[in-house]
Amino acid sequence: QARRIRQENLAGRRPGGYSGPGPDP
């Protein structure tokens, strides 16, 4: 369950889990 929640939170982000310096709508 913890792994699934973490994957849902990271879905749609750039590789590495951070949104980066550019705009992220």
PDBML (XML) file of the C-alpha atoms, coordinates in Angstrom:
<?xml version="1.0" encoding="UTF-8" ?>
<PDBx:datablock datablockName="MODEL"
   xmlns:PDBx="http://pdbml.pdb.org/schema/pdbx-v50.xsd"
   xmlns:xsi="http://www.w3.org/2001/XMLSchema-instance"
   xsi:schemaLocation="http://pdbml.pdb.org/schema/pdbx-v50.xsd pdbx-v50.xsd">
   <PDBx:atom_siteCategory>
      <PDBx:atom_site id="1">
         <PDBx:B_iso_or_equiv>0.00</PDBx:B_iso_or_equiv>
         <PDBx:Cartn_x>0.000</PDBx:Cartn_x>
         <PDBx:Cartn_y>0.000</PDBx:Cartn_y>
         <PDBx:Cartn_z>0.000</PDBx:Cartn_z>
         <PDBx:auth_asym_id>A</PDBx:auth_asym_id>
         <PDBx:auth_atom_id>CA</PDBx:auth_atom_id>
         <PDBx:auth_comp_id>GLN</PDBx:auth_comp_id>
         <PDBx:auth_seq_id>1</PDBx:auth_seq_id>
         <PDBx:group_PDB>ATOM</PDBx:group_PDB>
         <PDBx:label_alt_id xsi:nil="true" />
         <PDBx:label_asym_id>A</PDBx:label_asym_id>
         <PDBx:label_atom_id>CA</PDBx:label_atom_id>
         <PDBx:label_comp_id>GLN</PDBx:label_comp_id>
         <PDBx:label_entity_id>1</PDBx:label_entity_id>
         <PDBx:label_seq_id>1</PDBx:label_seq_id>
         <PDBx:occupancy>1.00</PDBx:occupancy>
         <PDBx:pdbx_PDB_model_num>1</PDBx:pdbx_PDB_model_num>
         <PDBx:type_symbol>C</PDBx:type_symbol>
      </PDBx:atom_site>
      <PDBx:atom_site id="2">
         <PDBx:B_iso_or_equiv>0.00</PDBx:B_iso_or_equiv>
         <PDBx:Cartn_x>2.835</PDBx:Cartn_x>
         <PDBx:Cartn_y>2.442</PDBx:Cartn_y>
         <PDBx:Cartn_z>0.804</PDBx:Cartn_z>
         <PDBx:auth_asym_id>A</PDBx:auth_asym_id>
         <PDBx:auth_atom_id>CA</PDBx:auth_atom_id>
         <PDBx:auth_comp_id>ALA</PDBx:auth_comp_id>
         <PDBx:auth_seq_id>2</PDBx:auth_seq_id>
         <PDBx:group_PDB>ATOM</PDBx:group_PDB>
         <PDBx:label_alt_id xsi:nil="true" />
         <PDBx:label_asym_id>A</PDBx:label_asym_id>
         <PDBx:label_atom_id>CA</PDBx:label_atom_id>
         <PDBx:label_comp_id>ALA</PDBx:label_comp_id>
         <PDBx:label_entity_id>1</PDBx:label_entity_id>
         <PDBx:label_seq_id>2</PDBx:label_seq_id>
         <PDBx:occupancy>1.00</PDBx:occupancy>
         <PDBx:pdbx_PDB_model_num>1</PDBx:pdbx_PDB_model_num>
         <PDBx:type_symbol>C</PDBx:type_symbol>
      </PDBx:atom_site>
      <PDBx:atom_site id="3">
         <PDBx:B_iso_or_equiv>0.00</PDBx:B_iso_or_equiv>
         <PDBx:Cartn_x>4.526</PDBx:Cartn_x>
         <PDBx:Cartn_y>1.667</PDBx:Cartn_y>
         <PDBx:Cartn_z>-2.539</PDBx:Cartn_z>
         <PDBx:auth_asym_id>A</PDBx:auth_asym_id>
         <PDBx:auth_atom_id>CA</PDBx:auth_atom_id>
         <PDBx:auth_comp_id>ARG</PDBx:auth_comp_id>
         <PDBx:auth_seq_id>3</PDBx:auth_seq_id>
         <PDBx:group_PDB>ATOM</PDBx:group_PDB>
         <PDBx:label_alt_id xsi:nil="true" />
         <PDBx:label_asym_id>A</PDBx:label_asym_id>
         <PDBx:label_atom_id>CA</PDBx:label_atom_id>
         <PDBx:label_comp_id>ARG</PDBx:label_comp_id>
         <PDBx:label_entity_id>1</PDBx:label_entity_id>
         <PDBx:label_seq_id>3</PDBx:label_seq_id>
         <PDBx:occupancy>1.00</PDBx:occupancy>
         <PDBx:pdbx_PDB_model_num>1</PDBx:pdbx_PDB_model_num>
         <PDBx:type_symbol>C</PDBx:type_symbol>
      </PDBx:atom_site>
      <PDBx:atom_site id="4">
         <PDBx:B_iso_or_equiv>0.00</PDBx:B_iso_or_equiv>
         <PDBx:Cartn_x>1.250</PDBx:Cartn_x>
         <PDBx:Cartn_y>2.223</PDBx:Cartn_y>
         <PDBx:Cartn_z>-4.434</PDBx:Cartn_z>
         <PDBx:auth_asym_id>A</PDBx:auth_asym_id>
         <PDBx:auth_atom_id>CA</PDBx:auth_atom_id>
         <PDBx:auth_comp_id>ARG</PDBx:auth_comp_id>
         <PDBx:auth_seq_id>4</PDBx:auth_seq_id>
         <PDBx:group_PDB>ATOM</PDBx:group_PDB>
         <PDBx:label_alt_id xsi:nil="true" />
         <PDBx:label_asym_id>A</PDBx:label_asym_id>
         <PDBx:label_atom_id>CA</PDBx:label_atom_id>
         <PDBx:label_comp_id>ARG</PDBx:label_comp_id>
         <PDBx:label_entity_id>1</PDBx:label_entity_id>
         <PDBx:label_seq_id>4</PDBx:label_seq_id>
         <PDBx:occupancy>1.00</PDBx:occupancy>
         <PDBx:pdbx_PDB_model_num>1</PDBx:pdbx_PDB_model_num>
         <PDBx:type_symbol>C</PDBx:type_symbol>
      </PDBx:atom_site>
      <PDBx:atom_site id="5">
         <PDBx:B_iso_or_equiv>0.00</PDBx:B_iso_or_equiv>
         <PDBx:Cartn_x>0.646</PDBx:Cartn_x>
         <PDBx:Cartn_y>5.582</PDBx:Cartn_y>
         <PDBx:Cartn_z>-2.721</PDBx:Cartn_z>
         <PDBx:auth_asym_id>A</PDBx:auth_asym_id>
         <PDBx:auth_atom_id>CA</PDBx:auth_atom_id>
         <PDBx:auth_comp_id>ILE</PDBx:auth_comp_id>
         <PDBx:auth_seq_id>5</PDBx:auth_seq_id>
         <PDBx:group_PDB>ATOM</PDBx:group_PDB>
         <PDBx:label_alt_id xsi:nil="true" />
         <PDBx:label_asym_id>A</PDBx:label_asym_id>
         <PDBx:label_atom_id>CA</PDBx:label_atom_id>
         <PDBx:label_comp_id>ILE</PDBx:label_comp_id>
         <PDBx:label_entity_id>1</PDBx:label_entity_id>
         <PDBx:label_seq_id>5</PDBx:label_seq_id>
         <PDBx:occupancy>1.00</PDBx:occupancy>
         <PDBx:pdbx_PDB_model_num>1</PDBx:pdbx_PDB_model_num>
         <PDBx:type_symbol>C</PDBx:type_symbol>
      </PDBx:atom_site>
      <PDBx:atom_site id="6">
         <PDBx:B_iso_or_equiv>0.00</PDBx:B_iso_or_equiv>
         <PDBx:Cartn_x>4.182</PDBx:Cartn_x>
         <PDBx:Cartn_y>6.707</PDBx:Cartn_y>
         <PDBx:Cartn_z>-3.543</PDBx:Cartn_z>
         <PDBx:auth_asym_id>A</PDBx:auth_asym_id>
         <PDBx:auth_atom_id>CA</PDBx:auth_atom_id>
         <PDBx:auth_comp_id>ARG</PDBx:auth_comp_id>
         <PDBx:auth_seq_id>6</PDBx:auth_seq_id>
         <PDBx:group_PDB>ATOM</PDBx:group_PDB>
         <PDBx:label_alt_id xsi:nil="true" />
         <PDBx:label_asym_id>A</PDBx:label_asym_id>
         <PDBx:label_atom_id>CA</PDBx:label_atom_id>
         <PDBx:label_comp_id>ARG</PDBx:label_comp_id>
         <PDBx:label_entity_id>1</PDBx:label_entity_id>
         <PDBx:label_seq_id>6</PDBx:label_seq_id>
         <PDBx:occupancy>1.00</PDBx:occupancy>
         <PDBx:pdbx_PDB_model_num>1</PDBx:pdbx_PDB_model_num>
         <PDBx:type_symbol>C</PDBx:type_symbol>
      </PDBx:atom_site>
      <PDBx:atom_site id="7">
         <PDBx:B_iso_or_equiv>0.00</PDBx:B_iso_or_equiv>
         <PDBx:Cartn_x>3.780</PDBx:Cartn_x>
         <PDBx:Cartn_y>5.729</PDBx:Cartn_y>
         <PDBx:Cartn_z>-7.208</PDBx:Cartn_z>
         <PDBx:auth_asym_id>A</PDBx:auth_asym_id>
         <PDBx:auth_atom_id>CA</PDBx:auth_atom_id>
         <PDBx:auth_comp_id>GLN</PDBx:auth_comp_id>
         <PDBx:auth_seq_id>7</PDBx:auth_seq_id>
         <PDBx:group_PDB>ATOM</PDBx:group_PDB>
         <PDBx:label_alt_id xsi:nil="true" />
         <PDBx:label_asym_id>A</PDBx:label_asym_id>
         <PDBx:label_atom_id>CA</PDBx:label_atom_id>
         <PDBx:label_comp_id>GLN</PDBx:label_comp_id>
         <PDBx:label_entity_id>1</PDBx:label_entity_id>
         <PDBx:label_seq_id>7</PDBx:label_seq_id>
         <PDBx:occupancy>1.00</PDBx:occupancy>
         <PDBx:pdbx_PDB_model_num>1</PDBx:pdbx_PDB_model_num>
         <PDBx:type_symbol>C</PDBx:type_symbol>
      </PDBx:atom_site>
      <PDBx:atom_site id="8">
         <PDBx:B_iso_or_equiv>0.00</PDBx:B_iso_or_equiv>
         <PDBx:Cartn_x>0.478</PDBx:Cartn_x>
         <PDBx:Cartn_y>7.645</PDBx:Cartn_y>
         <PDBx:Cartn_z>-7.424</PDBx:Cartn_z>
         <PDBx:auth_asym_id>A</PDBx:auth_asym_id>
         <PDBx:auth_atom_id>CA</PDBx:auth_atom_id>
         <PDBx:auth_comp_id>GLU</PDBx:auth_comp_id>
         <PDBx:auth_seq_id>8</PDBx:auth_seq_id>
         <PDBx:group_PDB>ATOM</PDBx:group_PDB>
         <PDBx:label_alt_id xsi:nil="true" />
         <PDBx:label_asym_id>A</PDBx:label_asym_id>
         <PDBx:label_atom_id>CA</PDBx:label_atom_id>
         <PDBx:label_comp_id>GLU</PDBx:label_comp_id>
         <PDBx:label_entity_id>1</PDBx:label_entity_id>
         <PDBx:label_seq_id>8</PDBx:label_seq_id>
         <PDBx:occupancy>1.00</PDBx:occupancy>
         <PDBx:pdbx_PDB_model_num>1</PDBx:pdbx_PDB_model_num>
         <PDBx:type_symbol>C</PDBx:type_symbol>
      </PDBx:atom_site>
      <PDBx:atom_site id="9">
         <PDBx:B_iso_or_equiv>0.00</PDBx:B_iso_or_equiv>
         <PDBx:Cartn_x>2.147</PDBx:Cartn_x>
         <PDBx:Cartn_y>10.714</PDBx:Cartn_y>
         <PDBx:Cartn_z>-5.933</PDBx:Cartn_z>
         <PDBx:auth_asym_id>A</PDBx:auth_asym_id>
         <PDBx:auth_atom_id>CA</PDBx:auth_atom_id>
         <PDBx:auth_comp_id>ASN</PDBx:auth_comp_id>
         <PDBx:auth_seq_id>9</PDBx:auth_seq_id>
         <PDBx:group_PDB>ATOM</PDBx:group_PDB>
         <PDBx:label_alt_id xsi:nil="true" />
         <PDBx:label_asym_id>A</PDBx:label_asym_id>
         <PDBx:label_atom_id>CA</PDBx:label_atom_id>
         <PDBx:label_comp_id>ASN</PDBx:label_comp_id>
         <PDBx:label_entity_id>1</PDBx:label_entity_id>
         <PDBx:label_seq_id>9</PDBx:label_seq_id>
         <PDBx:occupancy>1.00</PDBx:occupancy>
         <PDBx:pdbx_PDB_model_num>1</PDBx:pdbx_PDB_model_num>
         <PDBx:type_symbol>C</PDBx:type_symbol>
      </PDBx:atom_site>
      <PDBx:atom_site id="10">
         <PDBx:B_iso_or_equiv>0.00</PDBx:B_iso_or_equiv>
         <PDBx:Cartn_x>5.022</PDBx:Cartn_x>
         <PDBx:Cartn_y>10.542</PDBx:Cartn_y>
         <PDBx:Cartn_z>-8.407</PDBx:Cartn_z>
         <PDBx:auth_asym_id>A</PDBx:auth_asym_id>
         <PDBx:auth_atom_id>CA</PDBx:auth_atom_id>
         <PDBx:auth_comp_id>LEU</PDBx:auth_comp_id>
         <PDBx:auth_seq_id>10</PDBx:auth_seq_id>
         <PDBx:group_PDB>ATOM</PDBx:group_PDB>
         <PDBx:label_alt_id xsi:nil="true" />
         <PDBx:label_asym_id>A</PDBx:label_asym_id>
         <PDBx:label_atom_id>CA</PDBx:label_atom_id>
         <PDBx:label_comp_id>LEU</PDBx:label_comp_id>
         <PDBx:label_entity_id>1</PDBx:label_entity_id>
         <PDBx:label_seq_id>10</PDBx:label_seq_id>
         <PDBx:occupancy>1.00</PDBx:occupancy>
         <PDBx:pdbx_PDB_model_num>1</PDBx:pdbx_PDB_model_num>
         <PDBx:type_symbol>C</PDBx:type_symbol>
      </PDBx:atom_site>
      <PDBx:atom_site id="11">
         <PDBx:B_iso_or_equiv>0.00</PDBx:B_iso_or_equiv>
         <PDBx:Cartn_x>2.836</PDBx:Cartn_x>
         <PDBx:Cartn_y>9.909</PDBx:Cartn_y>
         <PDBx:Cartn_z>-11.474</PDBx:Cartn_z>
         <PDBx:auth_asym_id>A</PDBx:auth_asym_id>
         <PDBx:auth_atom_id>CA</PDBx:auth_atom_id>
         <PDBx:auth_comp_id>ALA</PDBx:auth_comp_id>
         <PDBx:auth_seq_id>11</PDBx:auth_seq_id>
         <PDBx:group_PDB>ATOM</PDBx:group_PDB>
         <PDBx:label_alt_id xsi:nil="true" />
         <PDBx:label_asym_id>A</PDBx:label_asym_id>
         <PDBx:label_atom_id>CA</PDBx:label_atom_id>
         <PDBx:label_comp_id>ALA</PDBx:label_comp_id>
         <PDBx:label_entity_id>1</PDBx:label_entity_id>
         <PDBx:label_seq_id>11</PDBx:label_seq_id>
         <PDBx:occupancy>1.00</PDBx:occupancy>
         <PDBx:pdbx_PDB_model_num>1</PDBx:pdbx_PDB_model_num>
         <PDBx:type_symbol>C</PDBx:type_symbol>
      </PDBx:atom_site>
      <PDBx:atom_site id="12">
         <PDBx:B_iso_or_equiv>0.00</PDBx:B_iso_or_equiv>
         <PDBx:Cartn_x>3.131</PDBx:Cartn_x>
         <PDBx:Cartn_y>12.671</PDBx:Cartn_y>
         <PDBx:Cartn_z>-14.061</PDBx:Cartn_z>
         <PDBx:auth_asym_id>A</PDBx:auth_asym_id>
         <PDBx:auth_atom_id>CA</PDBx:auth_atom_id>
         <PDBx:auth_comp_id>GLY</PDBx:auth_comp_id>
         <PDBx:auth_seq_id>12</PDBx:auth_seq_id>
         <PDBx:group_PDB>ATOM</PDBx:group_PDB>
         <PDBx:label_alt_id xsi:nil="true" />
         <PDBx:label_asym_id>A</PDBx:label_asym_id>
         <PDBx:label_atom_id>CA</PDBx:label_atom_id>
         <PDBx:label_comp_id>GLY</PDBx:label_comp_id>
         <PDBx:label_entity_id>1</PDBx:label_entity_id>
         <PDBx:label_seq_id>12</PDBx:label_seq_id>
         <PDBx:occupancy>1.00</PDBx:occupancy>
         <PDBx:pdbx_PDB_model_num>1</PDBx:pdbx_PDB_model_num>
         <PDBx:type_symbol>C</PDBx:type_symbol>
      </PDBx:atom_site>
      <PDBx:atom_site id="13">
         <PDBx:B_iso_or_equiv>0.00</PDBx:B_iso_or_equiv>
         <PDBx:Cartn_x>6.396</PDBx:Cartn_x>
         <PDBx:Cartn_y>14.034</PDBx:Cartn_y>
         <PDBx:Cartn_z>-12.711</PDBx:Cartn_z>
         <PDBx:auth_asym_id>A</PDBx:auth_asym_id>
         <PDBx:auth_atom_id>CA</PDBx:auth_atom_id>
         <PDBx:auth_comp_id>ARG</PDBx:auth_comp_id>
         <PDBx:auth_seq_id>13</PDBx:auth_seq_id>
         <PDBx:group_PDB>ATOM</PDBx:group_PDB>
         <PDBx:label_alt_id xsi:nil="true" />
         <PDBx:label_asym_id>A</PDBx:label_asym_id>
         <PDBx:label_atom_id>CA</PDBx:label_atom_id>
         <PDBx:label_comp_id>ARG</PDBx:label_comp_id>
         <PDBx:label_entity_id>1</PDBx:label_entity_id>
         <PDBx:label_seq_id>13</PDBx:label_seq_id>
         <PDBx:occupancy>1.00</PDBx:occupancy>
         <PDBx:pdbx_PDB_model_num>1</PDBx:pdbx_PDB_model_num>
         <PDBx:type_symbol>C</PDBx:type_symbol>
      </PDBx:atom_site>
      <PDBx:atom_site id="14">
         <PDBx:B_iso_or_equiv>0.00</PDBx:B_iso_or_equiv>
         <PDBx:Cartn_x>9.631</PDBx:Cartn_x>
         <PDBx:Cartn_y>14.154</PDBx:Cartn_y>
         <PDBx:Cartn_z>-14.600</PDBx:Cartn_z>
         <PDBx:auth_asym_id>A</PDBx:auth_asym_id>
         <PDBx:auth_atom_id>CA</PDBx:auth_atom_id>
         <PDBx:auth_comp_id>ARG</PDBx:auth_comp_id>
         <PDBx:auth_seq_id>14</PDBx:auth_seq_id>
         <PDBx:group_PDB>ATOM</PDBx:group_PDB>
         <PDBx:label_alt_id xsi:nil="true" />
         <PDBx:label_asym_id>A</PDBx:label_asym_id>
         <PDBx:label_atom_id>CA</PDBx:label_atom_id>
         <PDBx:label_comp_id>ARG</PDBx:label_comp_id>
         <PDBx:label_entity_id>1</PDBx:label_entity_id>
         <PDBx:label_seq_id>14</PDBx:label_seq_id>
         <PDBx:occupancy>1.00</PDBx:occupancy>
         <PDBx:pdbx_PDB_model_num>1</PDBx:pdbx_PDB_model_num>
         <PDBx:type_symbol>C</PDBx:type_symbol>
      </PDBx:atom_site>
      <PDBx:atom_site id="15">
         <PDBx:B_iso_or_equiv>0.00</PDBx:B_iso_or_equiv>
         <PDBx:Cartn_x>12.197</PDBx:Cartn_x>
         <PDBx:Cartn_y>11.400</PDBx:Cartn_y>
         <PDBx:Cartn_z>-13.982</PDBx:Cartn_z>
         <PDBx:auth_asym_id>A</PDBx:auth_asym_id>
         <PDBx:auth_atom_id>CA</PDBx:auth_atom_id>
         <PDBx:auth_comp_id>PRO</PDBx:auth_comp_id>
         <PDBx:auth_seq_id>15</PDBx:auth_seq_id>
         <PDBx:group_PDB>ATOM</PDBx:group_PDB>
         <PDBx:label_alt_id xsi:nil="true" />
         <PDBx:label_asym_id>A</PDBx:label_asym_id>
         <PDBx:label_atom_id>CA</PDBx:label_atom_id>
         <PDBx:label_comp_id>PRO</PDBx:label_comp_id>
         <PDBx:label_entity_id>1</PDBx:label_entity_id>
         <PDBx:label_seq_id>15</PDBx:label_seq_id>
         <PDBx:occupancy>1.00</PDBx:occupancy>
         <PDBx:pdbx_PDB_model_num>1</PDBx:pdbx_PDB_model_num>
         <PDBx:type_symbol>C</PDBx:type_symbol>
      </PDBx:atom_site>
      <PDBx:atom_site id="16">
         <PDBx:B_iso_or_equiv>0.00</PDBx:B_iso_or_equiv>
         <PDBx:Cartn_x>13.694</PDBx:Cartn_x>
         <PDBx:Cartn_y>11.792</PDBx:Cartn_y>
         <PDBx:Cartn_z>-10.564</PDBx:Cartn_z>
         <PDBx:auth_asym_id>A</PDBx:auth_asym_id>
         <PDBx:auth_atom_id>CA</PDBx:auth_atom_id>
         <PDBx:auth_comp_id>GLY</PDBx:auth_comp_id>
         <PDBx:auth_seq_id>16</PDBx:auth_seq_id>
         <PDBx:group_PDB>ATOM</PDBx:group_PDB>
         <PDBx:label_alt_id xsi:nil="true" />
         <PDBx:label_asym_id>A</PDBx:label_asym_id>
         <PDBx:label_atom_id>CA</PDBx:label_atom_id>
         <PDBx:label_comp_id>GLY</PDBx:label_comp_id>
         <PDBx:label_entity_id>1</PDBx:label_entity_id>
         <PDBx:label_seq_id>16</PDBx:label_seq_id>
         <PDBx:occupancy>1.00</PDBx:occupancy>
         <PDBx:pdbx_PDB_model_num>1</PDBx:pdbx_PDB_model_num>
         <PDBx:type_symbol>C</PDBx:type_symbol>
      </PDBx:atom_site>
      <PDBx:atom_site id="17">
         <PDBx:B_iso_or_equiv>0.00</PDBx:B_iso_or_equiv>
         <PDBx:Cartn_x>10.432</PDBx:Cartn_x>
         <PDBx:Cartn_y>12.838</PDBx:Cartn_y>
         <PDBx:Cartn_z>-8.940</PDBx:Cartn_z>
         <PDBx:auth_asym_id>A</PDBx:auth_asym_id>
         <PDBx:auth_atom_id>CA</PDBx:auth_atom_id>
         <PDBx:auth_comp_id>GLY</PDBx:auth_comp_id>
         <PDBx:auth_seq_id>17</PDBx:auth_seq_id>
         <PDBx:group_PDB>ATOM</PDBx:group_PDB>
         <PDBx:label_alt_id xsi:nil="true" />
         <PDBx:label_asym_id>A</PDBx:label_asym_id>
         <PDBx:label_atom_id>CA</PDBx:label_atom_id>
         <PDBx:label_comp_id>GLY</PDBx:label_comp_id>
         <PDBx:label_entity_id>1</PDBx:label_entity_id>
         <PDBx:label_seq_id>17</PDBx:label_seq_id>
         <PDBx:occupancy>1.00</PDBx:occupancy>
         <PDBx:pdbx_PDB_model_num>1</PDBx:pdbx_PDB_model_num>
         <PDBx:type_symbol>C</PDBx:type_symbol>
      </PDBx:atom_site>
      <PDBx:atom_site id="18">
         <PDBx:B_iso_or_equiv>0.00</PDBx:B_iso_or_equiv>
         <PDBx:Cartn_x>10.925</PDBx:Cartn_x>
         <PDBx:Cartn_y>16.602</PDBx:Cartn_y>
         <PDBx:Cartn_z>-9.202</PDBx:Cartn_z>
         <PDBx:auth_asym_id>A</PDBx:auth_asym_id>
         <PDBx:auth_atom_id>CA</PDBx:auth_atom_id>
         <PDBx:auth_comp_id>TYR</PDBx:auth_comp_id>
         <PDBx:auth_seq_id>18</PDBx:auth_seq_id>
         <PDBx:group_PDB>ATOM</PDBx:group_PDB>
         <PDBx:label_alt_id xsi:nil="true" />
         <PDBx:label_asym_id>A</PDBx:label_asym_id>
         <PDBx:label_atom_id>CA</PDBx:label_atom_id>
         <PDBx:label_comp_id>TYR</PDBx:label_comp_id>
         <PDBx:label_entity_id>1</PDBx:label_entity_id>
         <PDBx:label_seq_id>18</PDBx:label_seq_id>
         <PDBx:occupancy>1.00</PDBx:occupancy>
         <PDBx:pdbx_PDB_model_num>1</PDBx:pdbx_PDB_model_num>
         <PDBx:type_symbol>C</PDBx:type_symbol>
      </PDBx:atom_site>
      <PDBx:atom_site id="19">
         <PDBx:B_iso_or_equiv>0.00</PDBx:B_iso_or_equiv>
         <PDBx:Cartn_x>9.087</PDBx:Cartn_x>
         <PDBx:Cartn_y>18.990</PDBx:Cartn_y>
         <PDBx:Cartn_z>-11.482</PDBx:Cartn_z>
         <PDBx:auth_asym_id>A</PDBx:auth_asym_id>
         <PDBx:auth_atom_id>CA</PDBx:auth_atom_id>
         <PDBx:auth_comp_id>SER</PDBx:auth_comp_id>
         <PDBx:auth_seq_id>19</PDBx:auth_seq_id>
         <PDBx:group_PDB>ATOM</PDBx:group_PDB>
         <PDBx:label_alt_id xsi:nil="true" />
         <PDBx:label_asym_id>A</PDBx:label_asym_id>
         <PDBx:label_atom_id>CA</PDBx:label_atom_id>
         <PDBx:label_comp_id>SER</PDBx:label_comp_id>
         <PDBx:label_entity_id>1</PDBx:label_entity_id>
         <PDBx:label_seq_id>19</PDBx:label_seq_id>
         <PDBx:occupancy>1.00</PDBx:occupancy>
         <PDBx:pdbx_PDB_model_num>1</PDBx:pdbx_PDB_model_num>
         <PDBx:type_symbol>C</PDBx:type_symbol>
      </PDBx:atom_site>
      <PDBx:atom_site id="20">
         <PDBx:B_iso_or_equiv>0.00</PDBx:B_iso_or_equiv>
         <PDBx:Cartn_x>12.265</PDBx:Cartn_x>
         <PDBx:Cartn_y>20.853</PDBx:Cartn_y>
         <PDBx:Cartn_z>-12.436</PDBx:Cartn_z>
         <PDBx:auth_asym_id>A</PDBx:auth_asym_id>
         <PDBx:auth_atom_id>CA</PDBx:auth_atom_id>
         <PDBx:auth_comp_id>GLY</PDBx:auth_comp_id>
         <PDBx:auth_seq_id>20</PDBx:auth_seq_id>
         <PDBx:group_PDB>ATOM</PDBx:group_PDB>
         <PDBx:label_alt_id xsi:nil="true" />
         <PDBx:label_asym_id>A</PDBx:label_asym_id>
         <PDBx:label_atom_id>CA</PDBx:label_atom_id>
         <PDBx:label_comp_id>GLY</PDBx:label_comp_id>
         <PDBx:label_entity_id>1</PDBx:label_entity_id>
         <PDBx:label_seq_id>20</PDBx:label_seq_id>
         <PDBx:occupancy>1.00</PDBx:occupancy>
         <PDBx:pdbx_PDB_model_num>1</PDBx:pdbx_PDB_model_num>
         <PDBx:type_symbol>C</PDBx:type_symbol>
      </PDBx:atom_site>
      <PDBx:atom_site id="21">
         <PDBx:B_iso_or_equiv>0.00</PDBx:B_iso_or_equiv>
         <PDBx:Cartn_x>12.912</PDBx:Cartn_x>
         <PDBx:Cartn_y>24.526</PDBx:Cartn_y>
         <PDBx:Cartn_z>-13.153</PDBx:Cartn_z>
         <PDBx:auth_asym_id>A</PDBx:auth_asym_id>
         <PDBx:auth_atom_id>CA</PDBx:auth_atom_id>
         <PDBx:auth_comp_id>PRO</PDBx:auth_comp_id>
         <PDBx:auth_seq_id>21</PDBx:auth_seq_id>
         <PDBx:group_PDB>ATOM</PDBx:group_PDB>
         <PDBx:label_alt_id xsi:nil="true" />
         <PDBx:label_asym_id>A</PDBx:label_asym_id>
         <PDBx:label_atom_id>CA</PDBx:label_atom_id>
         <PDBx:label_comp_id>PRO</PDBx:label_comp_id>
         <PDBx:label_entity_id>1</PDBx:label_entity_id>
         <PDBx:label_seq_id>21</PDBx:label_seq_id>
         <PDBx:occupancy>1.00</PDBx:occupancy>
         <PDBx:pdbx_PDB_model_num>1</PDBx:pdbx_PDB_model_num>
         <PDBx:type_symbol>C</PDBx:type_symbol>
      </PDBx:atom_site>
      <PDBx:atom_site id="22">
         <PDBx:B_iso_or_equiv>0.00</PDBx:B_iso_or_equiv>
         <PDBx:Cartn_x>10.478</PDBx:Cartn_x>
         <PDBx:Cartn_y>24.892</PDBx:Cartn_y>
         <PDBx:Cartn_z>-16.063</PDBx:Cartn_z>
         <PDBx:auth_asym_id>A</PDBx:auth_asym_id>
         <PDBx:auth_atom_id>CA</PDBx:auth_atom_id>
         <PDBx:auth_comp_id>GLY</PDBx:auth_comp_id>
         <PDBx:auth_seq_id>22</PDBx:auth_seq_id>
         <PDBx:group_PDB>ATOM</PDBx:group_PDB>
         <PDBx:label_alt_id xsi:nil="true" />
         <PDBx:label_asym_id>A</PDBx:label_asym_id>
         <PDBx:label_atom_id>CA</PDBx:label_atom_id>
         <PDBx:label_comp_id>GLY</PDBx:label_comp_id>
         <PDBx:label_entity_id>1</PDBx:label_entity_id>
         <PDBx:label_seq_id>22</PDBx:label_seq_id>
         <PDBx:occupancy>1.00</PDBx:occupancy>
         <PDBx:pdbx_PDB_model_num>1</PDBx:pdbx_PDB_model_num>
         <PDBx:type_symbol>C</PDBx:type_symbol>
      </PDBx:atom_site>
      <PDBx:atom_site id="23">
         <PDBx:B_iso_or_equiv>0.00</PDBx:B_iso_or_equiv>
         <PDBx:Cartn_x>6.759</PDBx:Cartn_x>
         <PDBx:Cartn_y>25.592</PDBx:Cartn_y>
         <PDBx:Cartn_z>-15.840</PDBx:Cartn_z>
         <PDBx:auth_asym_id>A</PDBx:auth_asym_id>
         <PDBx:auth_atom_id>CA</PDBx:auth_atom_id>
         <PDBx:auth_comp_id>PRO</PDBx:auth_comp_id>
         <PDBx:auth_seq_id>23</PDBx:auth_seq_id>
         <PDBx:group_PDB>ATOM</PDBx:group_PDB>
         <PDBx:label_alt_id xsi:nil="true" />
         <PDBx:label_asym_id>A</PDBx:label_asym_id>
         <PDBx:label_atom_id>CA</PDBx:label_atom_id>
         <PDBx:label_comp_id>PRO</PDBx:label_comp_id>
         <PDBx:label_entity_id>1</PDBx:label_entity_id>
         <PDBx:label_seq_id>23</PDBx:label_seq_id>
         <PDBx:occupancy>1.00</PDBx:occupancy>
         <PDBx:pdbx_PDB_model_num>1</PDBx:pdbx_PDB_model_num>
         <PDBx:type_symbol>C</PDBx:type_symbol>
      </PDBx:atom_site>
      <PDBx:atom_site id="24">
         <PDBx:B_iso_or_equiv>0.00</PDBx:B_iso_or_equiv>
         <PDBx:Cartn_x>4.637</PDBx:Cartn_x>
         <PDBx:Cartn_y>22.676</PDBx:Cartn_y>
         <PDBx:Cartn_z>-14.718</PDBx:Cartn_z>
         <PDBx:auth_asym_id>A</PDBx:auth_asym_id>
         <PDBx:auth_atom_id>CA</PDBx:auth_atom_id>
         <PDBx:auth_comp_id>ASP</PDBx:auth_comp_id>
         <PDBx:auth_seq_id>24</PDBx:auth_seq_id>
         <PDBx:group_PDB>ATOM</PDBx:group_PDB>
         <PDBx:label_alt_id xsi:nil="true" />
         <PDBx:label_asym_id>A</PDBx:label_asym_id>
         <PDBx:label_atom_id>CA</PDBx:label_atom_id>
         <PDBx:label_comp_id>ASP</PDBx:label_comp_id>
         <PDBx:label_entity_id>1</PDBx:label_entity_id>
         <PDBx:label_seq_id>24</PDBx:label_seq_id>
         <PDBx:occupancy>1.00</PDBx:occupancy>
         <PDBx:pdbx_PDB_model_num>1</PDBx:pdbx_PDB_model_num>
         <PDBx:type_symbol>C</PDBx:type_symbol>
      </PDBx:atom_site>
      <PDBx:atom_site id="25">
         <PDBx:B_iso_or_equiv>0.00</PDBx:B_iso_or_equiv>
         <PDBx:Cartn_x>0.934</PDBx:Cartn_x>
         <PDBx:Cartn_y>23.306</PDBx:Cartn_y>
         <PDBx:Cartn_z>-15.471</PDBx:Cartn_z>
         <PDBx:auth_asym_id>A</PDBx:auth_asym_id>
         <PDBx:auth_atom_id>CA</PDBx:auth_atom_id>
         <PDBx:auth_comp_id>PRO</PDBx:auth_comp_id>
         <PDBx:auth_seq_id>25</PDBx:auth_seq_id>
         <PDBx:group_PDB>ATOM</PDBx:group_PDB>
         <PDBx:label_alt_id xsi:nil="true" />
         <PDBx:label_asym_id>A</PDBx:label_asym_id>
         <PDBx:label_atom_id>CA</PDBx:label_atom_id>
         <PDBx:label_comp_id>PRO</PDBx:label_comp_id>
         <PDBx:label_entity_id>1</PDBx:label_entity_id>
         <PDBx:label_seq_id>25</PDBx:label_seq_id>
         <PDBx:occupancy>1.00</PDBx:occupancy>
         <PDBx:pdbx_PDB_model_num>1</PDBx:pdbx_PDB_model_num>
         <PDBx:type_symbol>C</PDBx:type_symbol>
      </PDBx:atom_site>
   </PDBx:atom_siteCategory>
</PDBx:datablock>
